[in-house]
Amino acid sequence: MIPSVAITTVADLVRAARNGRSQKEFARDLGVRQSSISRYESGKASPPVPVIEHCMRLVHSGCREPIPTADELAIKVRTALADTSLGPFRLLISELIDTLTNEYAEACATTTASTMKDKK
């Protein structure tokens, strides 16, 4: 069980998710290099979105409802905005969600390419 700590930065999140394991072991679990974990924890580099999501799941694993992925969150918001009386607001939010979803997919593709390069 991950101890309850105030998480105010991404570095805090990564450190909390590591939960006492060595950086090397945690890096192996995430598919990145140990030096990447060190840079994330020192604030010298920002982890990619999938790493942040994984850390969030680890930190919040004791919660009743799991943290949704970006795609799951988009579906929830679209469902909530299905009411036709919301008109233009619904359209603007839908466009925002599409943009964020596309950026997320691009970030995942970049992360995958970067991870493959790191492993070489």
N, C-alpha and C. Protein backbone atom coordinates (compact mmCIF):
# COMPACT_ATOMS: atom_id res chain seq x y z
N MET A 1 0.85 -1.19 0.00
CA MET A 1 0.00 0.00 0.00
C MET A 1 0.88 1.24 0.00
N ILE A 2 0.57 2.17 -0.87
CA ILE A 2 1.35 3.40 -0.98
C ILE A 2 0.91 4.34 0.13
N PRO A 3 1.89 4.90 0.88
CA PRO A 3 1.53 5.79 1.97
C PRO A 3 0.87 7.06 1.47
N SER A 4 0.03 7.65 2.31
CA SER A 4 -0.65 8.88 1.96
C SER A 4 0.34 10.05 2.11
N VAL A 5 0.61 10.71 0.99
CA VAL A 5 1.50 11.86 0.98
C VAL A 5 0.87 12.95 0.14
N ALA A 6 1.27 14.18 0.42
CA ALA A 6 0.79 15.29 -0.39
C ALA A 6 1.55 15.29 -1.71
N ILE A 7 0.83 15.09 -2.78
CA ILE A 7 1.45 15.06 -4.10
C ILE A 7 1.09 16.37 -4.79
N THR A 8 2.11 17.22 -4.96
CA THR A 8 1.86 18.52 -5.57
C THR A 8 2.61 18.71 -6.88
N THR A 9 3.48 17.77 -7.21
CA THR A 9 4.23 17.86 -8.46
C THR A 9 4.27 16.48 -9.12
N VAL A 10 4.65 16.47 -10.38
CA VAL A 10 4.82 15.19 -11.08
C VAL A 10 5.95 14.41 -10.43
N ALA A 11 7.00 15.11 -9.99
CA ALA A 11 8.11 14.45 -9.32
C ALA A 11 7.62 13.72 -8.07
N ASP A 12 6.74 14.37 -7.30
CA ASP A 12 6.15 13.73 -6.10
C ASP A 12 5.35 12.50 -6.50
N LEU A 13 4.61 12.61 -7.59
CA LEU A 13 3.79 11.49 -8.06
C LEU A 13 4.66 10.29 -8.40
N VAL A 14 5.73 10.51 -9.15
CA VAL A 14 6.62 9.41 -9.54
C VAL A 14 7.26 8.79 -8.30
N ARG A 15 7.72 9.63 -7.39
CA ARG A 15 8.35 9.15 -6.16
C ARG A 15 7.35 8.32 -5.34
N ALA A 16 6.12 8.80 -5.23
CA ALA A 16 5.10 8.07 -4.46
C ALA A 16 4.76 6.74 -5.14
N ALA A 17 4.67 6.75 -6.46
CA ALA A 17 4.34 5.52 -7.18
C ALA A 17 5.47 4.49 -7.07
N ARG A 18 6.70 4.97 -7.01
CA ARG A 18 7.85 4.06 -6.87
C ARG A 18 7.76 3.32 -5.55
N ASN A 19 7.22 3.97 -4.52
CA ASN A 19 6.90 3.35 -3.23
C ASN A 19 8.07 2.56 -2.62
N GLY A 20 9.25 3.19 -2.60
CA GLY A 20 10.39 2.56 -1.93
C GLY A 20 11.20 1.62 -2.79
N ARG A 21 10.67 1.25 -3.95
CA ARG A 21 11.45 0.38 -4.84
C ARG A 21 12.63 1.18 -5.39
N SER A 22 13.64 0.48 -5.85
CA SER A 22 14.78 1.18 -6.45
C SER A 22 14.34 1.82 -7.76
N GLN A 23 15.03 2.89 -8.13
CA GLN A 23 14.73 3.53 -9.40
C GLN A 23 14.92 2.55 -10.55
N LYS A 24 15.93 1.71 -10.44
CA LYS A 24 16.22 0.74 -11.51
C LYS A 24 15.05 -0.24 -11.67
N GLU A 25 14.56 -0.76 -10.56
CA GLU A 25 13.44 -1.71 -10.60
C GLU A 25 12.18 -1.04 -11.16
N PHE A 26 11.90 0.17 -10.67
CA PHE A 26 10.72 0.90 -11.12
C PHE A 26 10.83 1.24 -12.60
N ALA A 27 12.02 1.63 -13.03
CA ALA A 27 12.24 1.93 -14.45
C ALA A 27 11.98 0.71 -15.31
N ARG A 28 12.44 -0.43 -14.85
CA ARG A 28 12.22 -1.67 -15.60
C ARG A 28 10.72 -1.95 -15.73
N ASP A 29 9.98 -1.74 -14.65
CA ASP A 29 8.53 -1.96 -14.69
C ASP A 29 7.83 -1.01 -15.67
N LEU A 30 8.36 0.21 -15.79
CA LEU A 30 7.76 1.21 -16.67
C LEU A 30 8.27 1.13 -18.11
N GLY A 31 9.36 0.38 -18.30
CA GLY A 31 9.93 0.28 -19.64
C GLY A 31 10.77 1.48 -20.02
N VAL A 32 11.36 2.14 -19.02
CA VAL A 32 12.24 3.28 -19.28
C VAL A 32 13.58 3.02 -18.58
N ARG A 33 14.51 3.92 -18.79
CA ARG A 33 15.81 3.78 -18.14
C ARG A 33 15.77 4.36 -16.73
N GLN A 34 16.67 3.87 -15.89
CA GLN A 34 16.78 4.38 -14.52
C GLN A 34 17.06 5.87 -14.53
N SER A 35 17.87 6.33 -15.47
CA SER A 35 18.21 7.76 -15.53
C SER A 35 16.96 8.60 -15.81
N SER A 36 16.00 8.03 -16.53
CA SER A 36 14.74 8.75 -16.77
C SER A 36 13.98 8.95 -15.47
N ILE A 37 13.92 7.90 -14.65
CA ILE A 37 13.24 8.01 -13.35
C ILE A 37 13.92 9.08 -12.50
N SER A 38 15.23 9.09 -12.50
CA SER A 38 15.98 10.09 -11.75
C SER A 38 15.64 11.50 -12.22
N ARG A 39 15.57 11.69 -13.54
CA ARG A 39 15.23 13.02 -14.08
C ARG A 39 13.79 13.40 -13.75
N TYR A 40 12.87 12.43 -13.80
CA TYR A 40 11.47 12.72 -13.44
C TYR A 40 11.38 13.16 -11.98
N GLU A 41 12.06 12.43 -11.11
CA GLU A 41 11.97 12.72 -9.67
C GLU A 41 12.67 14.02 -9.29
N SER A 42 13.68 14.41 -10.05
CA SER A 42 14.39 15.67 -9.75
C SER A 42 13.72 16.87 -10.41
N GLY A 43 12.75 16.60 -11.27
CA GLY A 43 12.06 17.68 -11.96
C GLY A 43 12.81 18.18 -13.19
N LYS A 44 13.85 17.48 -13.58
CA LYS A 44 14.63 17.89 -14.76
C LYS A 44 13.99 17.46 -16.07
N ALA A 45 13.05 16.54 -16.01
CA ALA A 45 12.33 16.08 -17.21
C ALA A 45 10.91 15.72 -16.81
N SER A 46 10.01 15.89 -17.75
CA SER A 46 8.61 15.52 -17.53
C SER A 46 8.37 14.15 -18.14
N PRO A 47 7.76 13.25 -17.40
CA PRO A 47 7.47 11.93 -17.96
C PRO A 47 6.37 12.02 -19.00
N PRO A 48 6.34 11.09 -19.93
CA PRO A 48 5.26 11.06 -20.91
C PRO A 48 3.93 10.69 -20.24
N VAL A 49 2.86 11.01 -20.93
CA VAL A 49 1.51 10.79 -20.39
C VAL A 49 1.29 9.35 -19.91
N PRO A 50 1.67 8.32 -20.67
CA PRO A 50 1.44 6.96 -20.18
C PRO A 50 2.15 6.66 -18.85
N VAL A 51 3.32 7.23 -18.65
CA VAL A 51 4.03 7.03 -17.38
C VAL A 51 3.27 7.72 -16.25
N ILE A 52 2.79 8.92 -16.50
CA ILE A 52 2.01 9.65 -15.49
C ILE A 52 0.75 8.86 -15.14
N GLU A 53 0.05 8.36 -16.17
CA GLU A 53 -1.17 7.59 -15.92
C GLU A 53 -0.87 6.34 -15.09
N HIS A 54 0.23 5.66 -15.43
CA HIS A 54 0.61 4.45 -14.69
C HIS A 54 0.90 4.81 -13.23
N CYS A 55 1.62 5.88 -13.01
CA CYS A 55 1.93 6.31 -11.64
C CYS A 55 0.65 6.68 -10.88
N MET A 56 -0.27 7.34 -11.57
CA MET A 56 -1.53 7.70 -10.92
C MET A 56 -2.30 6.46 -10.50
N ARG A 57 -2.31 5.46 -11.36
CA ARG A 57 -3.01 4.20 -11.01
C ARG A 57 -2.36 3.54 -9.80
N LEU A 58 -1.03 3.56 -9.76
CA LEU A 58 -0.34 2.95 -8.63
C LEU A 58 -0.65 3.69 -7.33
N VAL A 59 -0.62 5.01 -7.40
CA VAL A 59 -0.85 5.81 -6.20
C VAL A 59 -2.30 5.71 -5.73
N HIS A 60 -3.22 5.66 -6.68
CA HIS A 60 -4.65 5.65 -6.34
C HIS A 60 -5.28 4.27 -6.39
N SER A 61 -4.48 3.23 -6.33
CA SER A 61 -5.01 1.88 -6.46
C SER A 61 -5.96 1.51 -5.33
N GLY A 62 -5.89 2.22 -4.22
CA GLY A 62 -6.78 1.93 -3.10
C GLY A 62 -8.12 2.62 -3.21
N CYS A 63 -8.30 3.48 -4.21
CA CYS A 63 -9.57 4.18 -4.40
C CYS A 63 -10.64 3.23 -4.88
N ARG A 64 -11.88 3.56 -4.62
CA ARG A 64 -12.99 2.72 -5.05
C ARG A 64 -13.11 2.70 -6.57
N GLU A 65 -13.05 3.86 -7.18
CA GLU A 65 -13.19 3.95 -8.64
C GLU A 65 -11.82 4.18 -9.25
N PRO A 66 -11.44 3.39 -10.24
CA PRO A 66 -10.13 3.58 -10.85
C PRO A 66 -10.06 4.91 -11.60
N ILE A 67 -8.86 5.45 -11.70
CA ILE A 67 -8.64 6.67 -12.45
C ILE A 67 -8.88 6.36 -13.93
N PRO A 68 -9.76 7.12 -14.59
CA PRO A 68 -10.03 6.81 -15.99
C PRO A 68 -8.87 7.23 -16.89
N THR A 69 -8.73 6.54 -18.00
CA THR A 69 -7.76 6.95 -19.01
C THR A 69 -8.35 8.18 -19.71
N ALA A 70 -7.56 8.81 -20.54
CA ALA A 70 -8.04 9.97 -21.29
C ALA A 70 -9.23 9.59 -22.16
N ASP A 71 -9.16 8.41 -22.79
CA ASP A 71 -10.26 7.97 -23.64
C ASP A 71 -11.52 7.70 -22.82
N GLU A 72 -11.38 7.06 -21.67
CA GLU A 72 -12.54 6.78 -20.82
C GLU A 72 -13.16 8.09 -20.32
N LEU A 73 -12.32 9.06 -19.95
CA LEU A 73 -12.82 10.34 -19.50
C LEU A 73 -13.57 11.06 -20.62
N ALA A 74 -13.05 10.98 -21.83
CA ALA A 74 -13.72 11.59 -22.98
C ALA A 74 -15.11 10.99 -23.18
N ILE A 75 -15.22 9.69 -23.06
CA ILE A 75 -16.52 9.01 -23.21
C ILE A 75 -17.49 9.47 -22.12
N LYS A 76 -17.00 9.58 -20.88
CA LYS A 76 -17.86 10.03 -19.78
C LYS A 76 -18.39 11.44 -20.02
N VAL A 77 -17.50 12.33 -20.48
CA VAL A 77 -17.92 13.72 -20.73
C VAL A 77 -18.90 13.77 -21.89
N ARG A 78 -18.63 13.04 -22.96
CA ARG A 78 -19.55 13.03 -24.10
C ARG A 78 -20.94 12.51 -23.69
N THR A 79 -20.96 11.50 -22.85
CA THR A 79 -22.23 10.94 -22.38
C THR A 79 -22.99 11.99 -21.56
N ALA A 80 -22.27 12.70 -20.69
CA ALA A 80 -22.90 13.72 -19.86
C ALA A 80 -23.42 14.88 -20.71
N LEU A 81 -22.77 15.14 -21.83
CA LEU A 81 -23.17 16.24 -22.70
C LEU A 81 -24.15 15.83 -23.79
N ALA A 82 -24.71 14.64 -23.70
CA ALA A 82 -25.63 14.15 -24.72
C ALA A 82 -26.95 14.92 -24.77
N ASP A 83 -27.26 15.64 -23.72
CA ASP A 83 -28.50 16.42 -23.66
C ASP A 83 -28.47 17.49 -24.77
N THR A 84 -29.44 17.44 -25.68
CA THR A 84 -29.45 18.36 -26.82
C THR A 84 -29.65 19.82 -26.41
N SER A 85 -30.14 20.08 -25.24
CA SER A 85 -30.35 21.47 -24.81
C SER A 85 -29.03 22.19 -24.54
N LEU A 86 -27.94 21.45 -24.49
CA LEU A 86 -26.64 22.08 -24.22
C LEU A 86 -26.00 22.66 -25.47
N GLY A 87 -26.55 22.37 -26.64
CA GLY A 87 -26.19 22.96 -27.92
C GLY A 87 -24.73 23.33 -28.13
N PRO A 88 -24.44 24.62 -28.29
CA PRO A 88 -23.09 25.06 -28.64
C PRO A 88 -22.02 24.66 -27.61
N PHE A 89 -22.40 24.65 -26.37
CA PHE A 89 -21.45 24.24 -25.33
C PHE A 89 -20.99 22.81 -25.56
N ARG A 90 -21.95 21.94 -25.88
CA ARG A 90 -21.63 20.54 -26.14
C ARG A 90 -20.67 20.41 -27.31
N LEU A 91 -20.90 21.18 -28.37
CA LEU A 91 -20.03 21.14 -29.54
C LEU A 91 -18.61 21.60 -29.20
N LEU A 92 -18.50 22.68 -28.45
CA LEU A 92 -17.17 23.18 -28.07
C LEU A 92 -16.42 22.18 -27.20
N ILE A 93 -17.10 21.58 -26.25
CA ILE A 93 -16.46 20.59 -25.39
C ILE A 93 -16.05 19.37 -26.21
N SER A 94 -16.89 18.96 -27.14
CA SER A 94 -16.57 17.81 -27.98
C SER A 94 -15.32 18.08 -28.82
N GLU A 95 -15.22 19.29 -29.37
CA GLU A 95 -14.03 19.66 -30.14
C GLU A 95 -12.78 19.67 -29.25
N LEU A 96 -12.93 20.17 -28.03
CA LEU A 96 -11.81 20.18 -27.09
C LEU A 96 -11.37 18.75 -26.76
N ILE A 97 -12.33 17.89 -26.54
CA ILE A 97 -12.03 16.49 -26.24
C ILE A 97 -11.31 15.84 -27.42
N ASP A 98 -11.80 16.09 -28.62
CA ASP A 98 -11.14 15.53 -29.81
C ASP A 98 -9.69 15.99 -29.89
N THR A 99 -9.46 17.27 -29.64
CA THR A 99 -8.11 17.81 -29.69
C THR A 99 -7.23 17.15 -28.63
N LEU A 100 -7.74 17.05 -27.41
CA LEU A 100 -6.96 16.43 -26.33
C LEU A 100 -6.70 14.96 -26.61
N THR A 101 -7.68 14.27 -27.13
CA THR A 101 -7.52 12.85 -27.45
C THR A 101 -6.45 12.66 -28.53
N ASN A 102 -6.47 13.52 -29.54
CA ASN A 102 -5.45 13.45 -30.60
C ASN A 102 -4.07 13.74 -30.04
N GLU A 103 -3.95 14.76 -29.17
CA GLU A 103 -2.66 15.08 -28.57
C GLU A 103 -2.18 13.92 -27.70
N TYR A 104 -3.08 13.28 -27.00
CA TYR A 104 -2.74 12.13 -26.17
C TYR A 104 -2.21 10.99 -27.03
N ALA A 105 -2.89 10.73 -28.15
CA ALA A 105 -2.45 9.65 -29.04
C ALA A 105 -1.07 9.96 -29.62
N GLU A 106 -0.84 11.21 -29.97
CA GLU A 106 0.48 11.61 -30.48
C GLU A 106 1.55 11.45 -29.40
N ALA A 107 1.21 11.82 -28.16
CA ALA A 107 2.17 11.69 -27.06
C ALA A 107 2.49 10.22 -26.82
N CYS A 108 1.49 9.36 -26.90
CA CYS A 108 1.71 7.92 -26.72
C CYS A 108 2.61 7.38 -27.83
N ALA A 109 2.38 7.82 -29.06
CA ALA A 109 3.21 7.36 -30.17
C ALA A 109 4.64 7.83 -30.01
N THR A 110 4.82 9.07 -29.58
CA THR A 110 6.16 9.61 -29.35
C THR A 110 6.85 8.86 -28.22
N THR A 111 6.10 8.57 -27.16
CA THR A 111 6.66 7.84 -26.01
C THR A 111 7.09 6.44 -26.44
N THR A 112 6.26 5.79 -27.22
CA THR A 112 6.61 4.44 -27.69
C THR A 112 7.88 4.48 -28.52
N ALA A 113 7.97 5.45 -29.40
CA ALA A 113 9.18 5.57 -30.24
C ALA A 113 10.39 5.89 -29.38
N SER A 114 10.22 6.75 -28.40
CA SER A 114 11.32 7.13 -27.50
C SER A 114 11.75 5.95 -26.65
N THR A 115 10.78 5.18 -26.15
CA THR A 115 11.08 4.02 -25.33
C THR A 115 11.85 2.99 -26.13
N MET A 116 11.44 2.77 -27.37
CA MET A 116 12.12 1.81 -28.22
C MET A 116 13.56 2.28 -28.47
N LYS A 117 13.73 3.60 -28.64
CA LYS A 117 15.08 4.15 -28.86
C LYS A 117 15.93 3.98 -27.61
N ASP A 118 15.34 4.23 -26.41
CA ASP A 118 16.06 4.08 -25.15
C ASP A 118 16.54 2.65 -24.92
N LYS A 119 15.75 1.67 -25.39
CA LYS A 119 16.07 0.27 -25.17
C LYS A 119 17.20 -0.23 -26.07
N LYS A 120 17.51 0.53 -27.12
CA LYS A 120 18.55 0.11 -28.05
C LYS A 120 19.93 0.29 -27.49
